[in-house]
Amino acid sequence: MNKAFKFRIYPNSEQEVLIAKTFGCVRFIYNKMLSDKIEHYEKMKQKLNNTPAQYKKEYEWLKEVDSLALANVQIKIINLNL
């Protein structure tokens, strides 16, 4: 027997901003890492091992969100086998 739970959150305005920033950064880093991997493979015919930490120097605003959210992006891209 499977059980399902529904949770509802009621964030305050500060938490809403942080959630929006986190989702935006995750979306950005996913697209950036994926495009860099594809571009590198097309040029060099080798796999690129990039991490979200490498982008924090260039994009300072990535430091504002949780690093584990960004690290999960790396795991998702690795599972794509690119």
PDB file of N, CA and C in Angstrom:
ATOM      1  N   MET A   1       0.844  -1.177   0.000  1.00  0.00           N
ATOM      2  CA  MET A   1       0.000   0.000   0.000  1.00  0.00           C
ATOM      3  C   MET A   1       0.893   1.245   0.000  1.00  0.00           C
ATOM      4  N   ASN A   2       0.651   2.114  -0.933  1.00  0.00           N
ATOM      5  CA  ASN A   2       1.399   3.362  -1.032  1.00  0.00           C
ATOM      6  C   ASN A   2       0.625   4.484  -0.369  1.00  0.00           C
ATOM      7  N   LYS A   3       1.341   5.322   0.310  1.00  0.00           N
ATOM      8  CA  LYS A   3       0.737   6.490   0.931  1.00  0.00           C
ATOM      9  C   LYS A   3       1.285   7.740   0.275  1.00  0.00           C
ATOM     10  N   ALA A   4       0.474   8.737   0.213  1.00  0.00           N
ATOM     11  CA  ALA A   4       0.899  10.015  -0.352  1.00  0.00           C
ATOM     12  C   ALA A   4       0.610  11.114   0.659  1.00  0.00           C
ATOM     13  N   PHE A   5       1.496  12.058   0.710  1.00  0.00           N
ATOM     14  CA  PHE A   5       1.323  13.199   1.590  1.00  0.00           C
ATOM     15  C   PHE A   5       1.392  14.467   0.765  1.00  0.00           C
ATOM     16  N   LYS A   6       0.553  15.400   1.080  1.00  0.00           N
ATOM     17  CA  LYS A   6       0.602  16.717   0.445  1.00  0.00           C
ATOM     18  C   LYS A   6       1.011  17.719   1.509  1.00  0.00           C
ATOM     19  N   PHE A   7       1.970  18.545   1.155  1.00  0.00           N
ATOM     20  CA  PHE A   7       2.426  19.588   2.059  1.00  0.00           C
ATOM     21  C   PHE A   7       2.214  20.932   1.386  1.00  0.00           C
ATOM     22  N   ARG A   8       1.818  21.877   2.163  1.00  0.00           N
ATOM     23  CA  ARG A   8       1.635  23.224   1.661  1.00  0.00           C
ATOM     24  C   ARG A   8       2.487  24.151   2.511  1.00  0.00           C
ATOM     25  N   ILE A   9       3.212  25.035   1.845  1.00  0.00           N
ATOM     26  CA  ILE A   9       4.034  25.976   2.598  1.00  0.00           C
ATOM     27  C   ILE A   9       3.459  27.380   2.433  1.00  0.00           C
ATOM     28  N   TYR A  10       3.676  28.167   3.440  1.00  0.00           N
ATOM     29  CA  TYR A  10       3.236  29.558   3.428  1.00  0.00           C
ATOM     30  C   TYR A  10       4.440  30.442   3.750  1.00  0.00           C
ATOM     31  N   PRO A  11       5.304  30.646   2.739  1.00  0.00           N
ATOM     32  CA  PRO A  11       6.496  31.450   3.012  1.00  0.00           C
ATOM     33  C   PRO A  11       6.169  32.923   3.183  1.00  0.00           C
ATOM     34  N   ASN A  12       6.990  33.576   4.007  1.00  0.00           N
ATOM     35  CA  ASN A  12       6.839  35.029   4.104  1.00  0.00           C
ATOM     36  C   ASN A  12       7.533  35.654   2.893  1.00  0.00           C
ATOM     37  N   SER A  13       7.504  36.952   2.788  1.00  0.00           N
ATOM     38  CA  SER A  13       8.026  37.616   1.585  1.00  0.00           C
ATOM     39  C   SER A  13       9.527  37.390   1.410  1.00  0.00           C
ATOM     40  N   GLU A  14      10.270  37.344   2.501  1.00  0.00           N
ATOM     41  CA  GLU A  14      11.719  37.105   2.423  1.00  0.00           C
ATOM     42  C   GLU A  14      11.996  35.688   1.909  1.00  0.00           C
ATOM     43  N   GLN A  15      11.226  34.738   2.377  1.00  0.00           N
ATOM     44  CA  GLN A  15      11.402  33.359   1.936  1.00  0.00           C
ATOM     45  C   GLN A  15      10.982  33.186   0.480  1.00  0.00           C
ATOM     46  N   GLU A  16       9.956  33.903   0.065  1.00  0.00           N
ATOM     47  CA  GLU A  16       9.537  33.841  -1.336  1.00  0.00           C
ATOM     48  C   GLU A  16      10.645  34.323  -2.262  1.00  0.00           C
ATOM     49  N   VAL A  17      11.332  35.386  -1.852  1.00  0.00           N
ATOM     50  CA  VAL A  17      12.438  35.912  -2.650  1.00  0.00           C
ATOM     51  C   VAL A  17      13.562  34.878  -2.744  1.00  0.00           C
ATOM     52  N   LEU A  18      13.898  34.259  -1.624  1.00  0.00           N
ATOM     53  CA  LEU A  18      14.965  33.261  -1.623  1.00  0.00           C
ATOM     54  C   LEU A  18      14.594  32.047  -2.475  1.00  0.00           C
ATOM     55  N   ILE A  19      13.357  31.604  -2.411  1.00  0.00           N
ATOM     56  CA  ILE A  19      12.911  30.479  -3.238  1.00  0.00           C
ATOM     57  C   ILE A  19      13.003  30.837  -4.715  1.00  0.00           C
ATOM     58  N   ALA A  20      12.560  32.027  -5.066  1.00  0.00           N
ATOM     59  CA  ALA A  20      12.623  32.465  -6.460  1.00  0.00           C
ATOM     60  C   ALA A  20      14.068  32.574  -6.942  1.00  0.00           C
ATOM     61  N   LYS A  21      14.956  33.104  -6.097  1.00  0.00           N
ATOM     62  CA  LYS A  21      16.375  33.194  -6.456  1.00  0.00           C
ATOM     63  C   LYS A  21      16.972  31.808  -6.658  1.00  0.00           C
ATOM     64  N   THR A  22      16.626  30.892  -5.771  1.00  0.00           N
ATOM     65  CA  THR A  22      17.177  29.537  -5.857  1.00  0.00           C
ATOM     66  C   THR A  22      16.738  28.856  -7.142  1.00  0.00           C
ATOM     67  N   PHE A  23      15.449  28.919  -7.457  1.00  0.00           N
ATOM     68  CA  PHE A  23      14.965  28.299  -8.691  1.00  0.00           C
ATOM     69  C   PHE A  23      15.582  28.957  -9.914  1.00  0.00           C
ATOM     70  N   GLY A  24      15.739  30.261  -9.882  1.00  0.00           N
ATOM     71  CA  GLY A  24      16.345  30.967 -11.004  1.00  0.00           C
ATOM     72  C   GLY A  24      17.800  30.581 -11.203  1.00  0.00           C
ATOM     73  N   CYS A  25      18.541  30.486 -10.108  1.00  0.00           N
ATOM     74  CA  CYS A  25      19.952  30.109 -10.200  1.00  0.00           C
ATOM     75  C   CYS A  25      20.112  28.665 -10.658  1.00  0.00           C
ATOM     76  N   VAL A  26      19.256  27.786 -10.172  1.00  0.00           N
ATOM     77  CA  VAL A  26      19.314  26.384 -10.585  1.00  0.00           C
ATOM     78  C   VAL A  26      19.036  26.270 -12.080  1.00  0.00           C
ATOM     79  N   ARG A  27      18.029  26.984 -12.552  1.00  0.00           N
ATOM     80  CA  ARG A  27      17.700  26.959 -13.975  1.00  0.00           C
ATOM     81  C   ARG A  27      18.865  27.513 -14.804  1.00  0.00           C
ATOM     82  N   PHE A  28      19.455  28.617 -14.335  1.00  0.00           N
ATOM     83  CA  PHE A  28      20.569  29.219 -15.059  1.00  0.00           C
ATOM     84  C   PHE A  28      21.766  28.276 -15.122  1.00  0.00           C
ATOM     85  N   ILE A  29      22.143  27.706 -13.977  1.00  0.00           N
ATOM     86  CA  ILE A  29      23.356  26.880 -13.927  1.00  0.00           C
ATOM     87  C   ILE A  29      23.169  25.592 -14.725  1.00  0.00           C
ATOM     88  N   TYR A  30      21.966  25.051 -14.730  1.00  0.00           N
ATOM     89  CA  TYR A  30      21.689  23.859 -15.538  1.00  0.00           C
ATOM     90  C   TYR A  30      21.907  24.165 -17.015  1.00  0.00           C
ATOM     91  N   ASN A  31      21.296  25.241 -17.487  1.00  0.00           N
ATOM     92  CA  ASN A  31      21.427  25.603 -18.901  1.00  0.00           C
ATOM     93  C   ASN A  31      22.862  25.964 -19.266  1.00  0.00           C
ATOM     94  N   LYS A  32      23.554  26.677 -18.379  1.00  0.00           N
ATOM     95  CA  LYS A  32      24.936  27.099 -18.646  1.00  0.00           C
ATOM     96  C   LYS A  32      25.880  25.893 -18.689  1.00  0.00           C
ATOM     97  N   MET A  33      25.758  25.011 -17.694  1.00  0.00           N
ATOM     98  CA  MET A  33      26.634  23.837 -17.659  1.00  0.00           C
ATOM     99  C   MET A  33      26.375  22.926 -18.855  1.00  0.00           C
ATOM    100  N   LEU A  34      25.121  22.737 -19.199  1.00  0.00           N
ATOM    101  CA  LEU A  34      24.777  21.875 -20.325  1.00  0.00           C
ATOM    102  C   LEU A  34      25.293  22.448 -21.637  1.00  0.00           C
ATOM    103  N   SER A  35      25.114  23.748 -21.844  1.00  0.00           N
ATOM    104  CA  SER A  35      25.593  24.349 -23.095  1.00  0.00           C
ATOM    105  C   SER A  35      27.117  24.326 -23.169  1.00  0.00           C
ATOM    106  N   ASP A  36      27.803  24.535 -22.038  1.00  0.00           N
ATOM    107  CA  ASP A  36      29.265  24.460 -22.031  1.00  0.00           C
ATOM    108  C   ASP A  36      29.756  23.050 -22.337  1.00  0.00           C
ATOM    109  N   LYS A  37      29.075  22.044 -21.793  1.00  0.00           N
ATOM    110  CA  LYS A  37      29.453  20.653 -22.069  1.00  0.00           C
ATOM    111  C   LYS A  37      29.281  20.325 -23.550  1.00  0.00           C
ATOM    112  N   ILE A  38      28.160  20.735 -24.110  1.00  0.00           N
ATOM    113  CA  ILE A  38      27.898  20.459 -25.526  1.00  0.00           C
ATOM    114  C   ILE A  38      28.905  21.183 -26.404  1.00  0.00           C
ATOM    115  N   GLU A  39      29.141  22.452 -26.113  1.00  0.00           N
ATOM    116  CA  GLU A  39      30.091  23.246 -26.896  1.00  0.00           C
ATOM    117  C   GLU A  39      31.513  22.665 -26.814  1.00  0.00           C
ATOM    118  N   HIS A  40      31.925  22.273 -25.619  1.00  0.00           N
ATOM    119  CA  HIS A  40      33.263  21.708 -25.440  1.00  0.00           C
ATOM    120  C   HIS A  40      33.402  20.381 -26.190  1.00  0.00           C
ATOM    121  N   TYR A  41      32.367  19.567 -26.153  1.00  0.00           N
ATOM    122  CA  TYR A  41      32.432  18.281 -26.850  1.00  0.00           C
ATOM    123  C   TYR A  41      32.493  18.477 -28.363  1.00  0.00           C
ATOM    124  N   GLU A  42      31.747  19.456 -28.880  1.00  0.00           N
ATOM    125  CA  GLU A  42      31.771  19.701 -30.322  1.00  0.00           C
ATOM    126  C   GLU A  42      33.141  20.180 -30.788  1.00  0.00           C
ATOM    127  N   LYS A  43      33.839  20.953 -29.952  1.00  0.00           N
ATOM    128  CA  LYS A  43      35.160  21.469 -30.325  1.00  0.00           C
ATOM    129  C   LYS A  43      36.264  20.445 -30.113  1.00  0.00           C
ATOM    130  N   MET A  44      36.280  19.803 -28.929  1.00  0.00           N
ATOM    131  CA  MET A  44      37.410  18.969 -28.533  1.00  0.00           C
ATOM    132  C   MET A  44      37.154  17.464 -28.646  1.00  0.00           C
ATOM    133  N   LYS A  45      35.903  17.080 -28.810  1.00  0.00           N
ATOM    134  CA  LYS A  45      35.525  15.661 -28.810  1.00  0.00           C
ATOM    135  C   LYS A  45      35.943  14.973 -27.514  1.00  0.00           C
ATOM    136  N   GLN A  46      35.902  15.716 -26.424  1.00  0.00           N
ATOM    137  CA  GLN A  46      36.199  15.197 -25.088  1.00  0.00           C
ATOM    138  C   GLN A  46      35.125  15.668 -24.128  1.00  0.00           C
ATOM    139  N   LYS A  47      34.936  14.877 -23.076  1.00  0.00           N
ATOM    140  CA  LYS A  47      33.944  15.216 -22.058  1.00  0.00           C
ATOM    141  C   LYS A  47      34.481  16.329 -21.156  1.00  0.00           C
ATOM    142  N   LEU A  48      33.634  17.288 -20.829  1.00  0.00           N
ATOM    143  CA  LEU A  48      33.995  18.379 -19.927  1.00  0.00           C
ATOM    144  C   LEU A  48      33.459  18.066 -18.541  1.00  0.00           C
ATOM    145  N   ASN A  49      34.328  18.113 -17.545  1.00  0.00           N
ATOM    146  CA  ASN A  49      33.914  17.901 -16.157  1.00  0.00           C
ATOM    147  C   ASN A  49      33.869  19.254 -15.456  1.00  0.00           C
ATOM    148  N   ASN A  50      32.727  19.908 -15.552  1.00  0.00           N
ATOM    149  CA  ASN A  50      32.568  21.217 -14.917  1.00  0.00           C
ATOM    150  C   ASN A  50      31.690  21.085 -13.674  1.00  0.00           C
ATOM    151  N   THR A  51      31.855  22.042 -12.769  1.00  0.00           N
ATOM    152  CA  THR A  51      31.090  22.051 -11.523  1.00  0.00           C
ATOM    153  C   THR A  51      30.456  23.430 -11.340  1.00  0.00           C
ATOM    154  N   PRO A  52      29.405  23.512 -10.541  1.00  0.00           N
ATOM    155  CA  PRO A  52      28.803  24.826 -10.289  1.00  0.00           C
ATOM    156  C   PRO A  52      29.769  25.802  -9.609  1.00  0.00           C
ATOM    157  N   ALA A  53      30.699  25.291  -8.820  1.00  0.00           N
ATOM    158  CA  ALA A  53      31.654  26.159  -8.127  1.00  0.00           C
ATOM    159  C   ALA A  53      32.522  26.944  -9.109  1.00  0.00           C
ATOM    160  N   GLN A  54      32.776  26.383 -10.266  1.00  0.00           N
ATOM    161  CA  GLN A  54      33.595  27.071 -11.263  1.00  0.00           C
ATOM    162  C   GLN A  54      32.909  28.332 -11.798  1.00  0.00           C
ATOM    163  N   TYR A  55      31.605  28.375 -11.742  1.00  0.00           N
ATOM    164  CA  TYR A  55      30.860  29.507 -12.280  1.00  0.00           C
ATOM    165  C   TYR A  55      30.652  30.608 -11.247  1.00  0.00           C
ATOM    166  N   LYS A  56      30.912  30.329  -9.982  1.00  0.00           N
ATOM    167  CA  LYS A  56      30.670  31.322  -8.931  1.00  0.00           C
ATOM    168  C   LYS A  56      31.634  32.496  -9.012  1.00  0.00           C
ATOM    169  N   LYS A  57      32.800  32.308  -9.595  1.00  0.00           N
ATOM    170  CA  LYS A  57      33.744  33.417  -9.755  1.00  0.00           C
ATOM    171  C   LYS A  57      33.231  34.417 -10.783  1.00  0.00           C
ATOM    172  N   GLU A  58      32.676  33.894 -11.852  1.00  0.00           N
ATOM    173  CA  GLU A  58      32.186  34.757 -12.928  1.00  0.00           C
ATOM    174  C   GLU A  58      30.811  35.347 -12.598  1.00  0.00           C
ATOM    175  N   TYR A  59      29.973  34.563 -11.960  1.00  0.00           N
ATOM    176  CA  TYR A  59      28.617  34.989 -11.623  1.00  0.00           C
ATOM    177  C   TYR A  59      28.491  35.024 -10.101  1.00  0.00           C
ATOM    178  N   GLU A  60      28.794  36.161  -9.515  1.00  0.00           N
ATOM    179  CA  GLU A  60      28.830  36.322  -8.056  1.00  0.00           C
ATOM    180  C   GLU A  60      27.482  36.036  -7.396  1.00  0.00           C
ATOM    181  N   TRP A  61      26.397  36.287  -8.088  1.00  0.00           N
ATOM    182  CA  TRP A  61      25.072  36.109  -7.505  1.00  0.00           C
ATOM    183  C   TRP A  61      24.731  34.646  -7.265  1.00  0.00           C
ATOM    184  N   LEU A  62      25.503  33.715  -7.805  1.00  0.00           N
ATOM    185  CA  LEU A  62      25.270  32.297  -7.518  1.00  0.00           C
ATOM    186  C   LEU A  62      25.631  31.946  -6.071  1.00  0.00           C
ATOM    187  N   LYS A  63      26.407  32.804  -5.425  1.00  0.00           N
ATOM    188  CA  LYS A  63      26.794  32.560  -4.035  1.00  0.00           C
ATOM    189  C   LYS A  63      25.657  32.847  -3.053  1.00  0.00           C
ATOM    190  N   GLU A  64      24.605  33.488  -3.513  1.00  0.00           N
ATOM    191  CA  GLU A  64      23.502  33.863  -2.639  1.00  0.00           C
ATOM    192  C   GLU A  64      22.563  32.705  -2.309  1.00  0.00           C
ATOM    193  N   VAL A  65      22.625  31.636  -3.095  1.00  0.00           N
ATOM    194  CA  VAL A  65      21.700  30.517  -2.884  1.00  0.00           C
ATOM    195  C   VAL A  65      22.441  29.312  -2.307  1.00  0.00           C
ATOM    196  N   ASP A  66      21.671  28.329  -1.882  1.00  0.00           N
ATOM    197  CA  ASP A  66      22.216  27.133  -1.268  1.00  0.00           C
ATOM    198  C   ASP A  66      23.076  26.356  -2.264  1.00  0.00           C
ATOM    199  N   SER A  67      24.267  25.988  -1.851  1.00  0.00           N
ATOM    200  CA  SER A  67      25.177  25.277  -2.741  1.00  0.00           C
ATOM    201  C   SER A  67      24.692  23.870  -3.060  1.00  0.00           C
ATOM    202  N   LEU A  68      23.912  23.274  -2.170  1.00  0.00           N
ATOM    203  CA  LEU A  68      23.406  21.927  -2.437  1.00  0.00           C
ATOM    204  C   LEU A  68      22.377  21.924  -3.566  1.00  0.00           C
ATOM    205  N   ALA A  69      21.638  22.991  -3.694  1.00  0.00           N
ATOM    206  CA  ALA A  69      20.699  23.095  -4.812  1.00  0.00           C
ATOM    207  C   ALA A  69      21.465  23.112  -6.132  1.00  0.00           C
ATOM    208  N   LEU A  70      22.575  23.833  -6.150  1.00  0.00           N
ATOM    209  CA  LEU A  70      23.398  23.878  -7.363  1.00  0.00           C
ATOM    210  C   LEU A  70      24.129  22.560  -7.595  1.00  0.00           C
ATOM    211  N   ALA A  71      24.527  21.898  -6.523  1.00  0.00           N
ATOM    212  CA  ALA A  71      25.221  20.611  -6.656  1.00  0.00           C
ATOM    213  C   ALA A  71      24.292  19.553  -7.241  1.00  0.00           C
ATOM    214  N   ASN A  72      23.015  19.635  -6.937  1.00  0.00           N
ATOM    215  CA  ASN A  72      22.064  18.682  -7.512  1.00  0.00           C
ATOM    216  C   ASN A  72      21.956  18.837  -9.019  1.00  0.00           C
ATOM    217  N   VAL A  73      22.198  20.019  -9.514  1.00  0.00           N
ATOM    218  CA  VAL A  73      22.212  20.247 -10.958  1.00  0.00           C
ATOM    219  C   VAL A  73      23.337  19.442 -11.588  1.00  0.00           C
ATOM    220  N   GLN A  74      24.492  19.443 -10.951  1.00  0.00           N
ATOM    221  CA  GLN A  74      25.633  18.695 -11.469  1.00  0.00           C
ATOM    222  C   GLN A  74      25.300  17.204 -11.535  1.00  0.00           C
ATOM    223  N   ILE A  75      24.629  16.687 -10.541  1.00  0.00           N
ATOM    224  CA  ILE A  75      24.244  15.272 -10.527  1.00  0.00           C
ATOM    225  C   ILE A  75      23.279  14.973 -11.674  1.00  0.00           C
ATOM    226  N   LYS A  76      22.317  15.868 -11.898  1.00  0.00           N
ATOM    227  CA  LYS A  76      21.362  15.673 -12.991  1.00  0.00           C
ATOM    228  C   LYS A  76      22.065  15.648 -14.344  1.00  0.00           C
ATOM    229  N   ILE A  77      23.043  16.527 -14.526  1.00  0.00           N
ATOM    230  CA  ILE A  77      23.747  16.592 -15.808  1.00  0.00           C
ATOM    231  C   ILE A  77      24.646  15.369 -15.990  1.00  0.00           C
ATOM    232  N   ILE A  78      25.261  14.905 -14.923  1.00  0.00           N
ATOM    233  CA  ILE A  78      26.088  13.705 -15.018  1.00  0.00           C
ATOM    234  C   ILE A  78      25.229  12.516 -15.443  1.00  0.00           C
ATOM    235  N   ASN A  79      24.011  12.454 -14.926  1.00  0.00           N
ATOM    236  CA  ASN A  79      23.115  11.352 -15.286  1.00  0.00           C
ATOM    237  C   ASN A  79      22.646  11.399 -16.726  1.00  0.00           C
ATOM    238  N   LEU A  80      22.836  12.524 -17.411  1.00  0.00           N
ATOM    239  CA  LEU A  80      22.505  12.615 -18.821  1.00  0.00           C
ATOM    240  C   LEU A  80      23.521  11.893 -19.697  1.00  0.00           C
ATOM    241  N   ASN A  81      24.685  11.573 -19.119  1.00  0.00           N
ATOM    242  CA  ASN A  81      25.777  10.872 -19.831  1.00  0.00           C
ATOM    243  C   ASN A  81      26.263  11.652 -21.034  1.00  0.00           C
ATOM    244  N   LEU A  82      26.495  12.936 -20.854  1.00  0.00           N
ATOM    245  CA  LEU A  82      27.052  13.763 -21.937  1.00  0.00           C
ATOM    246  C   LEU A  82      28.539  13.883 -21.783  1.00  0.00           C
TER     247      LEU A  82
END
